PDB file of all heavy atoms in Angstrom:
ATOM      1  N   ARG A   1      -0.402 -31.695  13.370  1.00  0.00           N
ATOM      2  CA  ARG A   1      -0.725 -31.123  14.616  1.00  0.00           C
ATOM      3  C   ARG A   1      -0.103 -29.688  14.728  1.00  0.00           C
ATOM      4  O   ARG A   1       0.829 -29.361  15.493  1.00  0.00           O
ATOM      5  CB  ARG A   1      -0.038 -32.010  15.771  1.00  0.00           C
ATOM      6  CG  ARG A   1      -0.862 -33.305  15.904  1.00  0.00           C
ATOM      7  CD  ARG A   1       0.007 -34.522  16.294  1.00  0.00           C
ATOM      8  NE  ARG A   1       0.741 -34.431  17.503  1.00  0.00           N
ATOM      9  CZ  ARG A   1       1.448 -35.305  17.955  1.00  0.00           C
ATOM     10  NH1 ARG A   1       1.520 -36.495  17.401  1.00  0.00           N
ATOM     11  NH2 ARG A   1       2.130 -35.171  19.173  1.00  0.00           N
ATOM     12  N   VAL A   2      -0.674 -28.834  13.928  1.00  0.00           N
ATOM     13  CA  VAL A   2      -0.253 -27.509  13.772  1.00  0.00           C
ATOM     14  C   VAL A   2      -0.318 -26.683  15.032  1.00  0.00           C
ATOM     15  O   VAL A   2       0.750 -26.034  15.403  1.00  0.00           O
ATOM     16  CB  VAL A   2      -0.936 -26.770  12.586  1.00  0.00           C
ATOM     17  CG1 VAL A   2      -0.469 -25.249  12.434  1.00  0.00           C
ATOM     18  CG2 VAL A   2      -0.750 -27.573  11.251  1.00  0.00           C
ATOM     19  N   GLU A   3      -1.506 -26.512  15.611  1.00  0.00           N
ATOM     20  CA  GLU A   3      -1.569 -25.643  16.780  1.00  0.00           C
ATOM     21  C   GLU A   3      -0.713 -26.096  17.863  1.00  0.00           C
ATOM     22  O   GLU A   3      -0.157 -25.279  18.666  1.00  0.00           O
ATOM     23  CB  GLU A   3      -3.067 -25.585  17.167  1.00  0.00           C
ATOM     24  CG  GLU A   3      -3.996 -24.852  16.210  1.00  0.00           C
ATOM     25  CD  GLU A   3      -3.442 -23.565  15.783  1.00  0.00           C
ATOM     26  OE1 GLU A   3      -3.114 -22.738  16.648  1.00  0.00           O
ATOM     27  OE2 GLU A   3      -3.510 -23.210  14.591  1.00  0.00           O
ATOM     28  N   GLU A   4      -0.694 -27.432  18.117  1.00  0.00           N
ATOM     29  CA  GLU A   4       0.229 -27.975  19.153  1.00  0.00           C
ATOM     30  C   GLU A   4       1.697 -27.537  18.908  1.00  0.00           C
ATOM     31  O   GLU A   4       2.384 -27.133  19.898  1.00  0.00           O
ATOM     32  CB  GLU A   4       0.120 -29.509  19.231  1.00  0.00           C
ATOM     33  CG  GLU A   4       0.957 -30.091  20.318  1.00  0.00           C
ATOM     34  CD  GLU A   4       1.004 -31.671  20.093  1.00  0.00           C
ATOM     35  OE1 GLU A   4       1.821 -32.112  19.281  1.00  0.00           O
ATOM     36  OE2 GLU A   4       0.249 -32.315  20.774  1.00  0.00           O
ATOM     37  N   ALA A   5       2.142 -27.733  17.716  1.00  0.00           N
ATOM     38  CA  ALA A   5       3.444 -27.375  17.255  1.00  0.00           C
ATOM     39  C   ALA A   5       3.787 -25.930  17.536  1.00  0.00           C
ATOM     40  O   ALA A   5       4.815 -25.593  18.077  1.00  0.00           O
ATOM     41  CB  ALA A   5       3.801 -27.785  15.883  1.00  0.00           C
ATOM     42  N   LYS A   6       2.786 -25.000  17.186  1.00  0.00           N
ATOM     43  CA  LYS A   6       2.946 -23.537  17.388  1.00  0.00           C
ATOM     44  C   LYS A   6       3.159 -23.313  18.876  1.00  0.00           C
ATOM     45  O   LYS A   6       3.946 -22.386  19.305  1.00  0.00           O
ATOM     46  CB  LYS A   6       1.770 -22.818  16.849  1.00  0.00           C
ATOM     47  CG  LYS A   6       1.663 -22.700  15.374  1.00  0.00           C
ATOM     48  CD  LYS A   6       0.466 -21.867  14.908  1.00  0.00           C
ATOM     49  CE  LYS A   6       0.448 -21.682  13.413  1.00  0.00           C
ATOM     50  NZ  LYS A   6      -0.773 -20.841  13.109  1.00  0.00           N
ATOM     51  N   SER A   7       2.268 -23.927  19.659  1.00  0.00           N
ATOM     52  CA  SER A   7       2.342 -23.623  21.166  1.00  0.00           C
ATOM     53  C   SER A   7       3.656 -23.976  21.677  1.00  0.00           C
ATOM     54  O   SER A   7       4.220 -23.227  22.524  1.00  0.00           O
ATOM     55  CB  SER A   7       1.273 -24.481  21.825  1.00  0.00           C
ATOM     56  OG  SER A   7       1.359 -24.442  23.237  1.00  0.00           O
ATOM     57  N   ILE A   8       4.310 -25.117  21.341  1.00  0.00           N
ATOM     58  CA  ILE A   8       5.633 -25.621  21.755  1.00  0.00           C
ATOM     59  C   ILE A   8       6.692 -24.607  21.396  1.00  0.00           C
ATOM     60  O   ILE A   8       7.593 -24.247  22.230  1.00  0.00           O
ATOM     61  CB  ILE A   8       5.928 -26.983  21.211  1.00  0.00           C
ATOM     62  CG1 ILE A   8       4.997 -28.040  21.780  1.00  0.00           C
ATOM     63  CG2 ILE A   8       7.301 -27.437  21.575  1.00  0.00           C
ATOM     64  CD1 ILE A   8       4.997 -29.459  21.160  1.00  0.00           C
ATOM     65  N   LEU A   9       6.680 -24.174  20.107  1.00  0.00           N
ATOM     66  CA  LEU A   9       7.689 -23.320  19.648  1.00  0.00           C
ATOM     67  C   LEU A   9       7.642 -21.885  20.271  1.00  0.00           C
ATOM     68  O   LEU A   9       8.615 -21.252  20.615  1.00  0.00           O
ATOM     69  CB  LEU A   9       7.785 -23.074  18.052  1.00  0.00           C
ATOM     70  CG  LEU A   9       8.085 -24.481  17.365  1.00  0.00           C
ATOM     71  CD1 LEU A   9       8.442 -24.092  15.931  1.00  0.00           C
ATOM     72  CD2 LEU A   9       9.222 -25.163  17.943  1.00  0.00           C
ATOM     73  N   LYS A  10       6.344 -21.395  20.418  1.00  0.00           N
ATOM     74  CA  LYS A  10       6.198 -20.122  20.964  1.00  0.00           C
ATOM     75  C   LYS A  10       6.842 -20.135  22.386  1.00  0.00           C
ATOM     76  O   LYS A  10       7.481 -19.133  22.874  1.00  0.00           O
ATOM     77  CB  LYS A  10       4.689 -19.845  21.029  1.00  0.00           C
ATOM     78  CG  LYS A  10       4.203 -19.452  19.770  1.00  0.00           C
ATOM     79  CD  LYS A  10       2.646 -19.146  19.802  1.00  0.00           C
ATOM     80  CE  LYS A  10       2.075 -18.803  18.481  1.00  0.00           C
ATOM     81  NZ  LYS A  10       0.554 -18.605  18.586  1.00  0.00           N
ATOM     82  N   LYS A  11       6.567 -21.217  23.155  1.00  0.00           N
ATOM     83  CA  LYS A  11       7.173 -21.290  24.517  1.00  0.00           C
ATOM     84  C   LYS A  11       8.740 -21.282  24.476  1.00  0.00           C
ATOM     85  O   LYS A  11       9.340 -20.599  25.247  1.00  0.00           O
ATOM     86  CB  LYS A  11       6.643 -22.542  25.227  1.00  0.00           C
ATOM     87  CG  LYS A  11       5.190 -22.434  25.534  1.00  0.00           C
ATOM     88  CD  LYS A  11       4.645 -23.713  26.283  1.00  0.00           C
ATOM     89  CE  LYS A  11       3.214 -23.591  26.547  1.00  0.00           C
ATOM     90  NZ  LYS A  11       2.617 -24.837  27.036  1.00  0.00           N
ATOM     91  N   LEU A  12       9.179 -21.951  23.465  1.00  0.00           N
ATOM     92  CA  LEU A  12      10.717 -22.100  23.401  1.00  0.00           C
ATOM     93  C   LEU A  12      11.305 -20.718  23.032  1.00  0.00           C
ATOM     94  O   LEU A  12      12.346 -20.365  23.498  1.00  0.00           O
ATOM     95  CB  LEU A  12      11.154 -23.084  22.420  1.00  0.00           C
ATOM     96  CG  LEU A  12      10.980 -24.580  22.796  1.00  0.00           C
ATOM     97  CD1 LEU A  12      11.310 -25.545  21.586  1.00  0.00           C
ATOM     98  CD2 LEU A  12      12.032 -24.979  23.912  1.00  0.00           C
ATOM     99  N   ILE A  13      10.659 -19.976  22.095  1.00  0.00           N
ATOM    100  CA  ILE A  13      11.108 -18.758  21.646  1.00  0.00           C
ATOM    101  C   ILE A  13      11.050 -17.702  22.798  1.00  0.00           C
ATOM    102  O   ILE A  13      12.040 -16.988  23.064  1.00  0.00           O
ATOM    103  CB  ILE A  13      10.180 -18.355  20.463  1.00  0.00           C
ATOM    104  CG1 ILE A  13      10.439 -19.019  19.114  1.00  0.00           C
ATOM    105  CG2 ILE A  13      10.584 -16.744  20.146  1.00  0.00           C
ATOM    106  CD1 ILE A  13       9.473 -18.872  18.076  1.00  0.00           C
ATOM    107  N   GLN A  14      10.120 -17.768  23.579  1.00  0.00           N
ATOM    108  CA  GLN A  14       9.983 -16.810  24.790  1.00  0.00           C
ATOM    109  C   GLN A  14      10.971 -17.141  25.682  1.00  0.00           C
ATOM    110  O   GLN A  14      11.618 -16.274  26.437  1.00  0.00           O
ATOM    111  CB  GLN A  14       8.563 -16.730  25.271  1.00  0.00           C
ATOM    112  CG  GLN A  14       7.543 -16.240  24.418  1.00  0.00           C
ATOM    113  CD  GLN A  14       7.723 -14.737  23.968  1.00  0.00           C
ATOM    114  OE1 GLN A  14       8.409 -13.984  24.633  1.00  0.00           O
ATOM    115  NE2 GLN A  14       7.154 -14.371  22.859  1.00  0.00           N
ATOM    116  N   LYS A  15      11.074 -18.435  26.112  1.00  0.00           N
ATOM    117  CA  LYS A  15      11.969 -19.018  27.143  1.00  0.00           C
ATOM    118  C   LYS A  15      13.445 -18.497  26.873  1.00  0.00           C
ATOM    119  O   LYS A  15      14.236 -18.133  27.709  1.00  0.00           O
ATOM    120  CB  LYS A  15      11.776 -20.399  27.306  1.00  0.00           C
ATOM    121  CG  LYS A  15      12.770 -21.069  28.357  1.00  0.00           C
ATOM    122  CD  LYS A  15      12.555 -22.642  28.443  1.00  0.00           C
ATOM    123  CE  LYS A  15      13.497 -23.225  29.448  1.00  0.00           C
ATOM    124  NZ  LYS A  15      13.371 -24.740  29.417  1.00  0.00           N
ATOM    125  N   HIS A  16      13.907 -18.857  25.617  1.00  0.00           N
ATOM    126  CA  HIS A  16      15.272 -18.634  25.290  1.00  0.00           C
ATOM    127  C   HIS A  16      15.591 -17.375  24.463  1.00  0.00           C
ATOM    128  O   HIS A  16      16.709 -17.076  24.060  1.00  0.00           O
ATOM    129  CB  HIS A  16      15.834 -19.835  24.484  1.00  0.00           C
ATOM    130  CG  HIS A  16      15.677 -21.024  25.172  1.00  0.00           C
ATOM    131  ND1 HIS A  16      16.445 -21.451  26.352  1.00  0.00           N
ATOM    132  CD2 HIS A  16      14.885 -22.241  25.044  1.00  0.00           C
ATOM    133  CE1 HIS A  16      16.029 -22.611  26.830  1.00  0.00           C
ATOM    134  NE2 HIS A  16      15.232 -23.149  26.077  1.00  0.00           N
ATOM    135  N   LYS A  17      14.497 -16.564  24.256  1.00  0.00           N
ATOM    136  CA  LYS A  17      14.704 -15.324  23.496  1.00  0.00           C
ATOM    137  C   LYS A  17      15.319 -15.494  22.200  1.00  0.00           C
ATOM    138  O   LYS A  17      16.306 -14.953  21.778  1.00  0.00           O
ATOM    139  CB  LYS A  17      15.506 -14.286  24.344  1.00  0.00           C
ATOM    140  CG  LYS A  17      14.760 -13.917  25.665  1.00  0.00           C
ATOM    141  CD  LYS A  17      15.663 -12.861  26.392  1.00  0.00           C
ATOM    142  CE  LYS A  17      14.818 -12.264  27.692  1.00  0.00           C
ATOM    143  NZ  LYS A  17      14.324 -13.146  28.389  1.00  0.00           N
ATOM    144  N   VAL A  18      14.701 -16.460  21.403  1.00  0.00           N
ATOM    145  CA  VAL A  18      15.255 -16.810  19.988  1.00  0.00           C
ATOM    146  C   VAL A  18      15.085 -15.644  19.256  1.00  0.00           C
ATOM    147  O   VAL A  18      13.970 -14.880  19.096  1.00  0.00           O
ATOM    148  CB  VAL A  18      14.349 -17.965  19.547  1.00  0.00           C
ATOM    149  CG1 VAL A  18      14.780 -18.250  18.063  1.00  0.00           C
ATOM    150  CG2 VAL A  18      14.644 -19.221  20.335  1.00  0.00           C
ATOM    151  N   ASP A  19      16.137 -15.327  18.318  1.00  0.00           N
ATOM    152  CA  ASP A  19      16.272 -14.278  17.461  1.00  0.00           C
ATOM    153  C   ASP A  19      15.823 -14.769  15.966  1.00  0.00           C
ATOM    154  O   ASP A  19      15.152 -13.988  15.145  1.00  0.00           O
ATOM    155  CB  ASP A  19      17.511 -13.602  17.337  1.00  0.00           C
ATOM    156  CG  ASP A  19      17.932 -13.038  18.820  1.00  0.00           C
ATOM    157  OD1 ASP A  19      17.184 -12.207  19.265  1.00  0.00           O
ATOM    158  OD2 ASP A  19      18.893 -13.426  19.230  1.00  0.00           O
ATOM    159  N   ILE A  20      16.419 -15.853  15.649  1.00  0.00           N
ATOM    160  CA  ILE A  20      16.276 -16.316  14.230  1.00  0.00           C
ATOM    161  C   ILE A  20      15.893 -17.909  14.241  1.00  0.00           C
ATOM    162  O   ILE A  20      16.450 -18.617  15.017  1.00  0.00           O
ATOM    163  CB  ILE A  20      17.571 -16.059  13.415  1.00  0.00           C
ATOM    164  CG1 ILE A  20      18.011 -14.641  13.418  1.00  0.00           C
ATOM    165  CG2 ILE A  20      17.429 -16.555  11.993  1.00  0.00           C
ATOM    166  CD1 ILE A  20      19.354 -14.435  12.818  1.00  0.00           C
ATOM    167  N   ILE A  21      15.138 -18.292  13.172  1.00  0.00           N
ATOM    168  CA  ILE A  21      14.823 -19.773  12.956  1.00  0.00           C
ATOM    169  C   ILE A  21      15.539 -20.136  11.733  1.00  0.00           C
ATOM    170  O   ILE A  21      15.244 -19.523  10.652  1.00  0.00           O
ATOM    171  CB  ILE A  21      13.298 -20.030  12.974  1.00  0.00           C
ATOM    172  CG1 ILE A  21      12.648 -19.517  14.259  1.00  0.00           C
ATOM    173  CG2 ILE A  21      13.027 -21.455  12.680  1.00  0.00           C
ATOM    174  CD1 ILE A  21      11.188 -19.674  14.276  1.00  0.00           C
ATOM    175  N   SER A  22      16.371 -21.143  11.749  1.00  0.00           N
ATOM    176  CA  SER A  22      17.200 -21.598  10.682  1.00  0.00           C
ATOM    177  C   SER A  22      16.511 -22.856  10.244  1.00  0.00           C
ATOM    178  O   SER A  22      16.463 -23.832  10.914  1.00  0.00           O
ATOM    179  CB  SER A  22      18.584 -21.859  11.116  1.00  0.00           C
ATOM    180  OG  SER A  22      19.394 -22.359  10.045  1.00  0.00           O
ATOM    181  N   ILE A  23      15.921 -22.793   8.937  1.00  0.00           N
ATOM    182  CA  ILE A  23      15.175 -23.955   8.468  1.00  0.00           C
ATOM    183  C   ILE A  23      15.999 -24.732   7.430  1.00  0.00           C
ATOM    184  O   ILE A  23      16.477 -23.988   6.495  1.00  0.00           O
ATOM    185  CB  ILE A  23      13.822 -23.496   7.844  1.00  0.00           C
ATOM    186  CG1 ILE A  23      12.964 -22.704   8.892  1.00  0.00           C
ATOM    187  CG2 ILE A  23      13.017 -24.712   7.420  1.00  0.00           C
ATOM    188  CD1 ILE A  23      11.824 -22.097   8.246  1.00  0.00           C
ATOM    189  N   GLY A  24      16.231 -25.984   7.531  1.00  0.00           N
ATOM    190  CA  GLY A  24      16.808 -26.833   6.564  1.00  0.00           C
ATOM    191  C   GLY A  24      16.077 -26.868   5.299  1.00  0.00           C
ATOM    192  O   GLY A  24      14.860 -26.826   5.422  1.00  0.00           O
ATOM    193  N   ASN A  25      16.798 -26.999   4.250  1.00  0.00           N
ATOM    194  CA  ASN A  25      16.185 -26.955   2.782  1.00  0.00           C
ATOM    195  C   ASN A  25      15.777 -28.323   2.232  1.00  0.00           C
ATOM    196  O   ASN A  25      15.575 -28.512   1.068  1.00  0.00           O
ATOM    197  CB  ASN A  25      16.955 -26.153   1.887  1.00  0.00           C
ATOM    198  CG  ASN A  25      18.264 -26.915   1.480  1.00  0.00           C
ATOM    199  OD1 ASN A  25      18.672 -27.805   2.309  1.00  0.00           O
ATOM    200  ND2 ASN A  25      18.782 -26.538   0.327  1.00  0.00           N
ATOM    201  N   GLY A  26      15.669 -29.383   3.246  1.00  0.00           N
ATOM    202  CA  GLY A  26      15.289 -30.689   2.745  1.00  0.00           C
ATOM    203  C   GLY A  26      13.865 -30.942   2.558  1.00  0.00           C
ATOM    204  O   GLY A  26      13.056 -30.107   2.358  1.00  0.00           O
ATOM    205  N   THR A  27      13.495 -32.210   2.709  1.00  0.00           N
ATOM    206  CA  THR A  27      12.109 -32.701   2.605  1.00  0.00           C
ATOM    207  C   THR A  27      11.209 -31.792   3.565  1.00  0.00           C
ATOM    208  O   THR A  27      11.546 -31.616   4.779  1.00  0.00           O
ATOM    209  CB  THR A  27      12.034 -34.243   2.929  1.00  0.00           C
ATOM    210  OG1 THR A  27      12.918 -34.907   2.078  1.00  0.00           O
ATOM    211  CG2 THR A  27      10.598 -34.685   2.837  1.00  0.00           C
ATOM    212  N   ALA A  28      10.066 -31.367   3.108  1.00  0.00           N
ATOM    213  CA  ALA A  28       9.084 -30.707   3.866  1.00  0.00           C
ATOM    214  C   ALA A  28       9.512 -29.273   4.115  1.00  0.00           C
ATOM    215  O   ALA A  28       9.017 -28.608   5.128  1.00  0.00           O
ATOM    216  CB  ALA A  28       8.661 -31.332   5.056  1.00  0.00           C
ATOM    217  N   SER A  29      10.571 -28.754   3.552  1.00  0.00           N
ATOM    218  CA  SER A  29      11.131 -27.495   3.833  1.00  0.00           C
ATOM    219  C   SER A  29      10.129 -26.322   3.716  1.00  0.00           C
ATOM    220  O   SER A  29      10.013 -25.545   4.549  1.00  0.00           O
ATOM    221  CB  SER A  29      12.333 -27.265   2.977  1.00  0.00           C
ATOM    222  OG  SER A  29      12.747 -25.952   3.044  1.00  0.00           O
ATOM    223  N   ARG A  30       9.439 -26.395   2.552  1.00  0.00           N
ATOM    224  CA  ARG A  30       8.541 -25.261   2.225  1.00  0.00           C
ATOM    225  C   ARG A  30       7.168 -25.288   3.045  1.00  0.00           C
ATOM    226  O   ARG A  30       6.770 -24.268   3.498  1.00  0.00           O
ATOM    227  CB  ARG A  30       8.268 -25.176   0.783  1.00  0.00           C
ATOM    228  CG  ARG A  30       9.483 -24.815  -0.065  1.00  0.00           C
ATOM    229  CD  ARG A  30      10.128 -23.524   0.400  1.00  0.00           C
ATOM    230  NE  ARG A  30      11.364 -23.207  -0.429  1.00  0.00           N
ATOM    231  CZ  ARG A  30      12.191 -22.182  -0.230  1.00  0.00           C
ATOM    232  NH1 ARG A  30      11.987 -21.366   0.785  1.00  0.00           N
ATOM    233  NH2 ARG A  30      13.224 -21.927  -1.019  1.00  0.00           N
ATOM    234  N   GLU A  31       6.755 -26.434   3.341  1.00  0.00           N
ATOM    235  CA  GLU A  31       5.648 -26.627   4.219  1.00  0.00           C
ATOM    236  C   GLU A  31       5.988 -26.150   5.589  1.00  0.00           C
ATOM    237  O   GLU A  31       5.237 -25.396   6.296  1.00  0.00           O
ATOM    238  CB  GLU A  31       5.143 -28.093   4.329  1.00  0.00           C
ATOM    239  CG  GLU A  31       4.601 -28.547   3.011  1.00  0.00           C
ATOM    240  CD  GLU A  31       5.596 -29.212   2.129  1.00  0.00           C
ATOM    241  OE1 GLU A  31       6.800 -29.005   2.219  1.00  0.00           O
ATOM    242  OE2 GLU A  31       5.297 -30.031   1.286  1.00  0.00           O
ATOM    243  N   SER A  32       7.224 -26.430   6.063  1.00  0.00           N
ATOM    244  CA  SER A  32       7.741 -25.951   7.389  1.00  0.00           C
ATOM    245  C   SER A  32       7.902 -24.475   7.397  1.00  0.00           C
ATOM    246  O   SER A  32       7.624 -23.806   8.339  1.00  0.00           O
ATOM    247  CB  SER A  32       9.044 -26.645   7.795  1.00  0.00           C
ATOM    248  OG  SER A  32       8.836 -28.067   7.778  1.00  0.00           O
ATOM    249  N   GLU A  33       8.347 -23.909   6.239  1.00  0.00           N
ATOM    250  CA  GLU A  33       8.549 -22.502   6.141  1.00  0.00           C
ATOM    251  C   GLU A  33       7.294 -21.840   6.341  1.00  0.00           C
ATOM    252  O   GLU A  33       7.173 -20.687   6.974  1.00  0.00           O
ATOM    253  CB  GLU A  33       9.142 -22.109   4.785  1.00  0.00           C
ATOM    254  CG  GLU A  33       9.368 -20.708   4.568  1.00  0.00           C
ATOM    255  CD  GLU A  33       9.746 -20.233   3.208  1.00  0.00           C
ATOM    256  OE1 GLU A  33       9.862 -21.146   2.288  1.00  0.00           O
ATOM    257  OE2 GLU A  33      10.094 -19.082   2.974  1.00  0.00           O
ATOM    258  N   LYS A  34       6.210 -22.238   5.648  1.00  0.00           N
ATOM    259  CA  LYS A  34       4.881 -21.586   5.791  1.00  0.00           C
ATOM    260  C   LYS A  34       4.339 -21.700   7.176  1.00  0.00           C
ATOM    261  O   LYS A  34       3.854 -20.756   7.803  1.00  0.00           O
ATOM    262  CB  LYS A  34       3.885 -22.238   4.839  1.00  0.00           C
ATOM    263  CG  LYS A  34       2.507 -21.582   4.793  1.00  0.00           C
ATOM    264  CD  LYS A  34       1.643 -22.292   3.762  1.00  0.00           C
ATOM    265  CE  LYS A  34       0.304 -21.394   3.694  1.00  0.00           C
ATOM    266  NZ  LYS A  34      -0.358 -21.076   4.909  1.00  0.00           N
ATOM    267  N   PHE A  35       4.547 -22.839   7.847  1.00  0.00           N
ATOM    268  CA  PHE A  35       4.161 -23.038   9.263  1.00  0.00           C
ATOM    269  C   PHE A  35       4.968 -22.009  10.151  1.00  0.00           C
ATOM    270  O   PHE A  35       4.300 -21.277  11.010  1.00  0.00           O
ATOM    271  CB  PHE A  35       4.511 -24.357   9.805  1.00  0.00           C
ATOM    272  CG  PHE A  35       4.544 -24.647  11.258  1.00  0.00           C
ATOM    273  CD1 PHE A  35       3.403 -24.567  11.986  1.00  0.00           C
ATOM    274  CD2 PHE A  35       5.869 -24.663  11.859  1.00  0.00           C
ATOM    275  CE1 PHE A  35       3.537 -24.734  13.346  1.00  0.00           C
ATOM    276  CE2 PHE A  35       5.947 -24.821  13.264  1.00  0.00           C
ATOM    277  CZ  PHE A  35       4.781 -24.839  14.012  1.00  0.00           C
ATOM    278  N   VAL A  36       6.242 -21.829   9.971  1.00  0.00           N
ATOM    279  CA  VAL A  36       7.069 -20.881  10.755  1.00  0.00           C
ATOM    280  C   VAL A  36       6.557 -19.472  10.503  1.00  0.00           C
ATOM    281  O   VAL A  36       6.539 -18.673  11.464  1.00  0.00           O
ATOM    282  CB  VAL A  36       8.620 -21.096  10.448  1.00  0.00           C
ATOM    283  CG1 VAL A  36       9.416 -19.847  10.949  1.00  0.00           C
ATOM    284  CG2 VAL A  36       9.144 -22.321  10.930  1.00  0.00           C
ATOM    285  N   ALA A  37       6.412 -19.078   9.216  1.00  0.00           N
ATOM    286  CA  ALA A  37       5.968 -17.774   8.866  1.00  0.00           C
ATOM    287  C   ALA A  37       4.547 -17.374   9.516  1.00  0.00           C
ATOM    288  O   ALA A  37       4.456 -16.300  10.081  1.00  0.00           O
ATOM    289  CB  ALA A  37       5.824 -17.625   7.323  1.00  0.00           C
ATOM    290  N   ASP A  38       3.689 -18.364   9.504  1.00  0.00           N
ATOM    291  CA  ASP A  38       2.403 -18.062  10.113  1.00  0.00           C
ATOM    292  C   ASP A  38       2.552 -17.979  11.772  1.00  0.00           C
ATOM    293  O   ASP A  38       1.989 -17.145  12.364  1.00  0.00           O
ATOM    294  CB  ASP A  38       1.513 -19.269   9.945  1.00  0.00           C
ATOM    295  CG  ASP A  38       0.932 -19.299   8.509  1.00  0.00           C
ATOM    296  OD1 ASP A  38       1.073 -18.341   7.768  1.00  0.00           O
ATOM    297  OD2 ASP A  38       0.483 -20.441   8.041  1.00  0.00           O
ATOM    298  N   MET A  39       3.486 -18.782  12.278  1.00  0.00           N
ATOM    299  CA  MET A  39       3.636 -18.772  13.718  1.00  0.00           C
ATOM    300  C   MET A  39       4.209 -17.407  14.205  1.00  0.00           C
ATOM    301  O   MET A  39       3.792 -16.898  15.213  1.00  0.00           O
ATOM    302  CB  MET A  39       4.544 -19.935  14.088  1.00  0.00           C
ATOM    303  CG  MET A  39       4.742 -19.986  15.635  1.00  0.00           C
ATOM    304  SD  MET A  39       6.236 -20.934  16.100  1.00  0.00           S
ATOM    305  CE  MET A  39       7.499 -19.877  15.340  1.00  0.00           C
ATOM    306  N   ILE A  40       5.345 -16.964  13.483  1.00  0.00           N
ATOM    307  CA  ILE A  40       6.056 -15.777  13.960  1.00  0.00           C
ATOM    308  C   ILE A  40       5.147 -14.530  13.755  1.00  0.00           C
ATOM    309  O   ILE A  40       5.405 -13.516  14.432  1.00  0.00           O
ATOM    310  CB  ILE A  40       7.379 -15.605  13.306  1.00  0.00           C
ATOM    311  CG1 ILE A  40       7.357 -15.466  11.835  1.00  0.00           C
ATOM    312  CG2 ILE A  40       8.335 -16.746  13.681  1.00  0.00           C
ATOM    313  CD1 ILE A  40       8.693 -15.236  11.142  1.00  0.00           C
ATOM    314  N   GLY A  41       4.152 -14.707  12.956  1.00  0.00           N
ATOM    315  CA  GLY A  41       3.232 -13.585  12.773  1.00  0.00           C
ATOM    316  C   GLY A  41       2.192 -13.424  13.956  1.00  0.00           C
ATOM    317  O   GLY A  41       1.452 -12.441  14.062  1.00  0.00           O
ATOM    318  N   GLU A  42       2.212 -14.448  14.842  1.00  0.00           N
ATOM    319  CA  GLU A  42       1.383 -14.567  15.950  1.00  0.00           C
ATOM    320  C   GLU A  42       1.959 -14.218  17.298  1.00  0.00           C
ATOM    321  O   GLU A  42       1.427 -14.279  18.306  1.00  0.00           O
ATOM    322  CB  GLU A  42       0.682 -15.865  16.065  1.00  0.00           C
ATOM    323  CG  GLU A  42      -0.067 -16.264  14.807  1.00  0.00           C
ATOM    324  CD  GLU A  42      -0.595 -17.776  14.850  1.00  0.00           C
ATOM    325  OE1 GLU A  42      -0.357 -18.399  15.896  1.00  0.00           O
ATOM    326  OE2 GLU A  42      -1.124 -18.269  13.874  1.00  0.00           O
ATOM    327  N   ILE A  43       3.328 -13.814  17.235  1.00  0.00           N
ATOM    328  CA  ILE A  43       4.040 -13.543  18.520  1.00  0.00           C
ATOM    329  C   ILE A  43       4.521 -12.163  18.504  1.00  0.00           C
ATOM    330  O   ILE A  43       4.669 -11.569  17.529  1.00  0.00           O
ATOM    331  CB  ILE A  43       5.187 -14.596  18.796  1.00  0.00           C
ATOM    332  CG1 ILE A  43       6.235 -14.495  17.536  1.00  0.00           C
ATOM    333  CG2 ILE A  43       4.769 -15.975  18.891  1.00  0.00           C
ATOM    334  CD1 ILE A  43       7.416 -15.409  17.765  1.00  0.00           C
ATOM    335  N   ASP A  44       4.765 -11.641  19.713  1.00  0.00           N
ATOM    336  CA  ASP A  44       5.163 -10.249  19.898  1.00  0.00           C
ATOM    337  C   ASP A  44       6.653 -10.118  19.643  1.00  0.00           C
ATOM    338  O   ASP A  44       7.042  -9.012  19.054  1.00  0.00           O
ATOM    339  CB  ASP A  44       4.836  -9.800  21.258  1.00  0.00           C
ATOM    340  CG  ASP A  44       3.259  -9.654  21.520  1.00  0.00           C
ATOM    341  OD1 ASP A  44       2.566  -9.563  20.526  1.00  0.00           O
ATOM    342  OD2 ASP A  44       2.871  -9.871  22.683  1.00  0.00           O
ATOM    343  N   ARG A  45       7.375 -11.093  19.913  1.00  0.00           N
ATOM    344  CA  ARG A  45       8.911 -10.851  19.849  1.00  0.00           C
ATOM    345  C   ARG A  45       9.263 -10.829  18.367  1.00  0.00           C
ATOM    346  O   ARG A  45       8.809 -11.698  17.540  1.00  0.00           O
ATOM    347  CB  ARG A  45       9.540 -12.119  20.489  1.00  0.00           C
ATOM    348  CG  ARG A  45      11.213 -12.009  20.447  1.00  0.00           C
ATOM    349  CD  ARG A  45      11.693 -13.226  21.211  1.00  0.00           C
ATOM    350  NE  ARG A  45      13.201 -13.129  20.982  1.00  0.00           N
ATOM    351  CZ  ARG A  45      13.980 -12.158  21.667  1.00  0.00           C
ATOM    352  NH1 ARG A  45      13.357 -11.276  22.576  1.00  0.00           N
ATOM    353  NH2 ARG A  45      15.276 -12.218  21.508  1.00  0.00           N
TER     354      ARG A  45
END
């Protein structure tokens, strides 16, 4: 549910003015990293 997840995180980032996303290096880490990289490329902050 990629687009839904992006929408949720974008709102949290704007609401709390998030500076950095800290991703754990466990299971699904690199898939999550790709998702995060794609998402932050779509926001102004």
